[in-house]
PDB file of N, CA and C in Angstrom:
ATOM      1  N   MET A   1     -35.530  -1.068  -4.744  1.00  0.00           N
ATOM      2  CA  MET A   1     -34.236  -1.270  -3.913  1.00  0.00           C
ATOM      3  C   MET A   1     -33.357  -0.527  -5.649  1.00  0.00           C
ATOM      4  N   ASN A   2     -32.954   0.188  -5.728  1.00  0.00           N
ATOM      5  CA  ASN A   2     -32.166   0.913  -6.658  1.00  0.00           C
ATOM      6  C   ASN A   2     -31.110   0.399  -6.795  1.00  0.00           C
ATOM      7  N   VAL A   3     -30.430  -0.484  -7.268  1.00  0.00           N
ATOM      8  CA  VAL A   3     -28.735  -0.621  -7.230  1.00  0.00           C
ATOM      9  C   VAL A   3     -28.546   0.450  -7.517  1.00  0.00           C
ATOM     10  N   ASP A   4     -28.543   1.185  -8.989  1.00  0.00           N
ATOM     11  CA  ASP A   4     -27.721   2.535  -9.442  1.00  0.00           C
ATOM     12  C   ASP A   4     -27.733   3.339  -8.474  1.00  0.00           C
ATOM     13  N   ASN A   5     -28.591   3.521  -7.115  1.00  0.00           N
ATOM     14  CA  ASN A   5     -27.918   4.924  -6.288  1.00  0.00           C
ATOM     15  C   ASN A   5     -27.047   3.805  -5.133  1.00  0.00           C
ATOM     16  N   ILE A   6     -27.334   2.401  -5.219  1.00  0.00           N
ATOM     17  CA  ILE A   6     -26.684   2.675  -4.592  1.00  0.00           C
ATOM     18  C   ILE A   6     -24.713   2.822  -4.447  1.00  0.00           C
ATOM     19  N   ILE A   7     -24.847   2.012  -6.330  1.00  0.00           N
ATOM     20  CA  ILE A   7     -23.505   2.663  -6.802  1.00  0.00           C
ATOM     21  C   ILE A   7     -22.955   3.828  -6.375  1.00  0.00           C
ATOM     22  N   LYS A   8     -23.903   4.134  -6.914  1.00  0.00           N
ATOM     23  CA  LYS A   8     -23.689   6.140  -6.239  1.00  0.00           C
ATOM     24  C   LYS A   8     -23.206   6.129  -5.308  1.00  0.00           C
ATOM     25  N   TYR A   9     -23.860   5.737  -4.216  1.00  0.00           N
ATOM     26  CA  TYR A   9     -23.709   6.333  -2.782  1.00  0.00           C
ATOM     27  C   TYR A   9     -22.380   5.601  -2.020  1.00  0.00           C
ATOM     28  N   GLU A  10     -21.867   4.520  -2.887  1.00  0.00           N
ATOM     29  CA  GLU A  10     -20.895   3.204  -2.573  1.00  0.00           C
ATOM     30  C   GLU A  10     -19.506   4.116  -2.952  1.00  0.00           C
ATOM     31  N   SER A  11     -19.824   4.665  -3.986  1.00  0.00           N
ATOM     32  CA  SER A  11     -18.873   5.468  -4.768  1.00  0.00           C
ATOM     33  C   SER A  11     -18.749   6.637  -4.726  1.00  0.00           C
ATOM     34  N   GLY A  12     -19.239   7.159  -3.273  1.00  0.00           N
ATOM     35  CA  GLY A  12     -18.638   8.784  -2.708  1.00  0.00           C
ATOM     36  C   GLY A  12     -19.699   9.969  -3.791  1.00  0.00           C
ATOM     37  N   GLU A  13     -20.442   9.516  -4.553  1.00  0.00           N
ATOM     38  CA  GLU A  13     -20.613  10.446  -5.685  1.00  0.00           C
ATOM     39  C   GLU A  13     -22.216  11.352  -5.556  1.00  0.00           C
ATOM     40  N   MET A  14     -22.275  10.718  -4.117  1.00  0.00           N
ATOM     41  CA  MET A  14     -24.294  11.903  -4.145  1.00  0.00           C
ATOM     42  C   MET A  14     -23.211  12.870  -2.839  1.00  0.00           C
ATOM     43  N   GLY A  15     -24.500  13.627  -3.138  1.00  0.00           N
ATOM     44  CA  GLY A  15     -24.456  15.202  -1.781  1.00  0.00           C
ATOM     45  C   GLY A  15     -25.029  14.778  -0.897  1.00  0.00           C
ATOM     46  N   LEU A  16     -25.055  15.591   0.033  1.00  0.00           N
ATOM     47  CA  LEU A  16     -25.359  14.678   1.530  1.00  0.00           C
ATOM     48  C   LEU A  16     -27.060  15.104   1.073  1.00  0.00           C
ATOM     49  N   GLY A  17     -27.577  16.070   0.912  1.00  0.00           N
ATOM     50  CA  GLY A  17     -29.342  16.326   0.345  1.00  0.00           C
ATOM     51  C   GLY A  17     -29.958  15.233  -0.004  1.00  0.00           C
ATOM     52  N   GLU A  18     -28.993  14.627  -1.623  1.00  0.00           N
ATOM     53  CA  GLU A  18     -29.284  13.363  -2.367  1.00  0.00           C
ATOM     54  C   GLU A  18     -29.215  12.084  -0.921  1.00  0.00           C
ATOM     55  N   MET A  19     -27.789  11.596  -0.589  1.00  0.00           N
ATOM     56  CA  MET A  19     -28.205  10.900   0.255  1.00  0.00           C
ATOM     57  C   MET A  19     -29.369  10.703   1.351  1.00  0.00           C
ATOM     58  N   VAL A  20     -29.474  11.593   1.667  1.00  0.00           N
ATOM     59  CA  VAL A  20     -30.624  11.257   3.011  1.00  0.00           C
ATOM     60  C   VAL A  20     -32.041  11.286   2.183  1.00  0.00           C
ATOM     61  N   GLN A  21     -32.075  11.902   1.435  1.00  0.00           N
ATOM     62  CA  GLN A  21     -33.358  11.214   0.038  1.00  0.00           C
ATOM     63  C   GLN A  21     -33.578   9.826  -0.280  1.00  0.00           C
ATOM     64  N   PHE A  22     -31.914   9.371  -0.170  1.00  0.00           N
ATOM     65  CA  PHE A  22     -31.453   7.544  -0.503  1.00  0.00           C
ATOM     66  C   PHE A  22     -32.279   6.280   1.070  1.00  0.00           C
ATOM     67  N   PHE A  23     -31.707   7.575   1.903  1.00  0.00           N
ATOM     68  CA  PHE A  23     -31.417   7.036   3.006  1.00  0.00           C
ATOM     69  C   PHE A  23     -33.215   6.847   3.022  1.00  0.00           C
ATOM     70  N   ALA A  24     -34.180   8.447   3.146  1.00  0.00           N
ATOM     71  CA  ALA A  24     -35.440   8.176   3.982  1.00  0.00           C
ATOM     72  C   ALA A  24     -36.030   7.143   3.209  1.00  0.00           C
ATOM     73  N   ASP A  25     -35.477   7.221   1.237  1.00  0.00           N
ATOM     74  CA  ASP A  25     -36.931   6.189   0.537  1.00  0.00           C
ATOM     75  C   ASP A  25     -36.167   4.731   1.072  1.00  0.00           C
ATOM     76  N   MET A  26     -35.494   4.514   1.829  1.00  0.00           N
ATOM     77  CA  MET A  26     -34.893   2.978   1.958  1.00  0.00           C
ATOM     78  C   MET A  26     -35.610   2.639   3.355  1.00  0.00           C
ATOM     79  N   ILE A  27     -35.127   3.707   4.300  1.00  0.00           N
ATOM     80  CA  ILE A  27     -36.101   3.152   5.819  1.00  0.00           C
ATOM     81  C   ILE A  27     -37.698   3.339   5.109  1.00  0.00           C
ATOM     82  N   LYS A  28     -38.541   4.082   4.342  1.00  0.00           N
ATOM     83  CA  LYS A  28     -39.784   4.294   4.093  1.00  0.00           C
ATOM     84  C   LYS A  28     -39.883   2.564   3.687  1.00  0.00           C
ATOM     85  N   SER A  29     -39.252   1.757   2.474  1.00  0.00           N
ATOM     86  CA  SER A  29     -39.775   1.033   1.763  1.00  0.00           C
ATOM     87  C   SER A  29     -38.748  -0.576   2.932  1.00  0.00           C
ATOM     88  N   GLY A  30     -38.347  -0.429   3.864  1.00  0.00           N
ATOM     89  CA  GLY A  30     -37.808  -1.390   4.344  1.00  0.00           C
ATOM     90  C   GLY A  30     -36.365  -1.810   3.952  1.00  0.00           C
ATOM     91  N   ASP A  31     -36.064  -1.345   2.906  1.00  0.00           N
ATOM     92  CA  ASP A  31     -34.725  -1.834   2.499  1.00  0.00           C
ATOM     93  C   ASP A  31     -33.720  -1.683   3.137  1.00  0.00           C
ATOM     94  N   VAL A  32     -33.597  -1.024   3.483  1.00  0.00           N
ATOM     95  CA  VAL A  32     -32.404  -0.643   4.509  1.00  0.00           C
ATOM     96  C   VAL A  32     -31.747  -1.330   5.731  1.00  0.00           C
ATOM     97  N   TRP A  33     -32.578  -2.315   6.207  1.00  0.00           N
ATOM     98  CA  TRP A  33     -32.779  -3.573   7.034  1.00  0.00           C
ATOM     99  C   TRP A  33     -32.150  -4.046   7.023  1.00  0.00           C
ATOM    100  N   SER A  34     -32.397  -4.456   5.478  1.00  0.00           N
ATOM    101  CA  SER A  34     -31.741  -5.546   4.872  1.00  0.00           C
ATOM    102  C   SER A  34     -30.789  -5.500   4.198  1.00  0.00           C
ATOM    103  N   LEU A  35     -30.048  -5.092   4.317  1.00  0.00           N
ATOM    104  CA  LEU A  35     -28.512  -4.678   3.324  1.00  0.00           C
ATOM    105  C   LEU A  35     -27.686  -5.154   4.754  1.00  0.00           C
ATOM    106  N   GLN A  36     -26.539  -4.282   4.031  1.00  0.00           N
ATOM    107  CA  GLN A  36     -25.304  -4.639   5.017  1.00  0.00           C
ATOM    108  C   GLN A  36     -25.838  -3.475   6.525  1.00  0.00           C
ATOM    109  N   GLY A  37     -24.923  -3.857   7.273  1.00  0.00           N
ATOM    110  CA  GLY A  37     -24.934  -3.230   8.593  1.00  0.00           C
ATOM    111  C   GLY A  37     -24.665  -1.810   8.600  1.00  0.00           C
ATOM    112  N   HIS A  38     -24.029  -0.658   6.941  1.00  0.00           N
ATOM    113  CA  HIS A  38     -22.999  -0.198   7.259  1.00  0.00           C
ATOM    114  C   HIS A  38     -24.255   0.661   6.922  1.00  0.00           C
ATOM    115  N   TYR A  39     -25.458  -0.143   5.945  1.00  0.00           N
ATOM    116  CA  TYR A  39     -26.300   1.094   5.988  1.00  0.00           C
ATOM    117  C   TYR A  39     -27.340   1.292   7.006  1.00  0.00           C
ATOM    118  N   GLY A  40     -27.793  -0.276   7.632  1.00  0.00           N
ATOM    119  CA  GLY A  40     -28.866   0.205   9.446  1.00  0.00           C
ATOM    120  C   GLY A  40     -28.113   0.719  10.189  1.00  0.00           C
ATOM    121  N   ARG A  41     -26.534   1.211  10.015  1.00  0.00           N
ATOM    122  CA  ARG A  41     -26.285   2.120  11.233  1.00  0.00           C
ATOM    123  C   ARG A  41     -26.339   4.154  10.609  1.00  0.00           C
ATOM    124  N   ASN A  42     -26.168   4.084   9.187  1.00  0.00           N
ATOM    125  CA  ASN A  42     -26.113   4.995   8.623  1.00  0.00           C
ATOM    126  C   ASN A  42     -27.736   5.422   8.811  1.00  0.00           C
ATOM    127  N   ALA A  43     -28.247   4.375   8.787  1.00  0.00           N
ATOM    128  CA  ALA A  43     -29.728   5.280   8.594  1.00  0.00           C
ATOM    129  C   ALA A  43     -30.706   5.556  10.153  1.00  0.00           C
ATOM    130  N   MET A  44     -30.063   4.712  11.080  1.00  0.00           N
ATOM    131  CA  MET A  44     -30.012   5.130  12.595  1.00  0.00           C
ATOM    132  C   MET A  44     -28.911   6.730  12.913  1.00  0.00           C
ATOM    133  N   ALA A  45     -28.119   6.585  12.092  1.00  0.00           N
ATOM    134  CA  ALA A  45     -27.822   8.129  12.782  1.00  0.00           C
ATOM    135  C   ALA A  45     -28.398   9.453  12.066  1.00  0.00           C
ATOM    136  N   ILE A  46     -28.924   8.732  10.745  1.00  0.00           N
ATOM    137  CA  ILE A  46     -29.718  10.283  10.172  1.00  0.00           C
ATOM    138  C   ILE A  46     -31.131  10.129  10.936  1.00  0.00           C
ATOM    139  N   ILE A  47     -31.833   9.061  11.567  1.00  0.00           N
ATOM    140  CA  ILE A  47     -32.901   9.014  12.130  1.00  0.00           C
ATOM    141  C   ILE A  47     -32.655  10.217  13.958  1.00  0.00           C
ATOM    142  N   GLU A  48     -31.417   9.708  14.394  1.00  0.00           N
ATOM    143  CA  GLU A  48     -31.325  10.662  15.866  1.00  0.00           C
ATOM    144  C   GLU A  48     -30.663  11.555  15.107  1.00  0.00           C
ATOM    145  N   ALA A  49     -30.230  12.125  14.499  1.00  0.00           N
ATOM    146  CA  ALA A  49     -30.040  13.525  14.386  1.00  0.00           C
ATOM    147  C   ALA A  49     -31.187  14.180  14.105  1.00  0.00           C
ATOM    148  N   GLY A  50     -32.440  13.313  13.910  1.00  0.00           N
ATOM    149  CA  GLY A  50     -33.600  14.215  13.264  1.00  0.00           C
ATOM    150  C   GLY A  50     -33.725  14.420  12.249  1.00  0.00           C
ATOM    151  N   ILE A  51     -33.196  13.774  11.359  1.00  0.00           N
ATOM    152  CA  ILE A  51     -33.645  14.208   9.824  1.00  0.00           C
ATOM    153  C   ILE A  51     -34.107  13.872   9.174  1.00  0.00           C
ATOM    154  N   VAL A  52     -34.466  12.387   9.442  1.00  0.00           N
ATOM    155  CA  VAL A  52     -34.972  11.648   9.236  1.00  0.00           C
ATOM    156  C   VAL A  52     -36.412  10.850  10.403  1.00  0.00           C
ATOM    157  N   ASP A  53     -37.759  10.578  10.073  1.00  0.00           N
ATOM    158  CA  ASP A  53     -38.041   9.955  11.488  1.00  0.00           C
ATOM    159  C   ASP A  53     -38.631   8.439  10.919  1.00  0.00           C
ATOM    160  N   ARG A  54     -39.208   7.589  12.188  1.00  0.00           N
ATOM    161  CA  ARG A  54     -38.417   6.505  11.984  1.00  0.00           C
ATOM    162  C   ARG A  54     -39.407   5.651  10.371  1.00  0.00           C
ATOM    163  N   GLU A  55     -40.187   6.675   9.685  1.00  0.00           N
ATOM    164  CA  GLU A  55     -41.374   6.242   8.457  1.00  0.00           C
ATOM    165  C   GLU A  55     -40.377   6.703   7.553  1.00  0.00           C
ATOM    166  N   GLY A  56     -39.169   7.529   8.038  1.00  0.00           N
ATOM    167  CA  GLY A  56     -38.726   7.735   6.120  1.00  0.00           C
ATOM    168  C   GLY A  56     -38.964   9.191   5.639  1.00  0.00           C
ATOM    169  N   ASN A  57     -39.469   9.731   7.007  1.00  0.00           N
ATOM    170  CA  ASN A  57     -40.194  11.636   6.038  1.00  0.00           C
ATOM    171  C   ASN A  57     -38.509  12.216   6.694  1.00  0.00           C
ATOM    172  N   ILE A  58     -38.566  13.007   5.766  1.00  0.00           N
ATOM    173  CA  ILE A  58     -37.274  14.176   6.212  1.00  0.00           C
ATOM    174  C   ILE A  58     -37.785  15.327   6.838  1.00  0.00           C
ATOM    175  N   ASP A  59     -36.704  15.847   7.921  1.00  0.00           N
ATOM    176  CA  ASP A  59     -37.530  17.013   8.131  1.00  0.00           C
ATOM    177  C   ASP A  59     -36.557  18.323   7.657  1.00  0.00           C
ATOM    178  N   GLU A  60     -37.516  18.980   6.670  1.00  0.00           N
ATOM    179  CA  GLU A  60     -36.520  19.664   5.723  1.00  0.00           C
ATOM    180  C   GLU A  60     -36.200  20.220   6.478  1.00  0.00           C
ATOM    181  N   ASP A  61     -36.480  21.173   8.065  1.00  0.00           N
ATOM    182  CA  ASP A  61     -35.615  22.200   8.438  1.00  0.00           C
ATOM    183  C   ASP A  61     -34.550  21.730   9.288  1.00  0.00           C
ATOM    184  N   MET A  62     -34.781  20.527   9.578  1.00  0.00           N
ATOM    185  CA  MET A  62     -33.037  19.741  10.212  1.00  0.00           C
ATOM    186  C   MET A  62     -31.917  19.372   8.815  1.00  0.00           C
ATOM    187  N   LEU A  63     -32.914  19.178   7.561  1.00  0.00           N
ATOM    188  CA  LEU A  63     -31.737  19.354   6.924  1.00  0.00           C
ATOM    189  C   LEU A  63     -30.978  19.687   6.452  1.00  0.00           C
ATOM    190  N   ASN A  64     -32.072  21.038   5.749  1.00  0.00           N
ATOM    191  CA  ASN A  64     -31.527  22.756   5.169  1.00  0.00           C
ATOM    192  C   ASN A  64     -30.600  23.580   6.224  1.00  0.00           C
ATOM    193  N   TYR A  65     -30.908  22.803   7.714  1.00  0.00           N
ATOM    194  CA  TYR A  65     -29.602  22.631   9.086  1.00  0.00           C
ATOM    195  C   TYR A  65     -28.221  22.200   8.455  1.00  0.00           C
ATOM    196  N   TYR A  66     -28.329  21.092   8.055  1.00  0.00           N
ATOM    197  CA  TYR A  66     -27.473  20.197   8.004  1.00  0.00           C
ATOM    198  C   TYR A  66     -26.381  20.651   6.744  1.00  0.00           C
ATOM    199  N   LEU A  67     -27.038  21.231   5.429  1.00  0.00           N
ATOM    200  CA  LEU A  67     -26.861  21.680   4.625  1.00  0.00           C
ATOM    201  C   LEU A  67     -26.402  22.789   4.825  1.00  0.00           C
ATOM    202  N   ASP A  68     -26.738  24.131   5.367  1.00  0.00           N
ATOM    203  CA  ASP A  68     -25.859  25.151   5.603  1.00  0.00           C
ATOM    204  C   ASP A  68     -24.689  24.793   6.267  1.00  0.00           C
ATOM    205  N   GLU A  69     -24.423  23.918   7.214  1.00  0.00           N
ATOM    206  CA  GLU A  69     -23.127  23.992   8.386  1.00  0.00           C
ATOM    207  C   GLU A  69     -22.171  23.063   6.569  1.00  0.00           C
ATOM    208  N   ASP A  70     -22.742  22.822   6.045  1.00  0.00           N
ATOM    209  CA  ASP A  70     -21.500  21.939   4.709  1.00  0.00           C
ATOM    210  C   ASP A  70     -20.534  22.800   3.868  1.00  0.00           C
ATOM    211  N   GLU A  71     -21.616  23.998   3.895  1.00  0.00           N
ATOM    212  CA  GLU A  71     -21.205  25.538   3.489  1.00  0.00           C
ATOM    213  C   GLU A  71     -20.130  25.476   3.330  1.00  0.00           C
TER     214      GLU A  71
END
């Protein structure tokens, strides 16, 4: 678990793509499920949105769709 990334996330300093990668990495390692509930809920939200699967793999097409919407 990268504490610097947690601080960056909680400070609002991550863009959408970086945040998705952050959550995908934590889903892969399983760390997201041992943190406070906010992290688990956000992980489930990006899984349910189809951006990341339950193993932590990012669907680049879905991520790009949301990135395009964000512009």
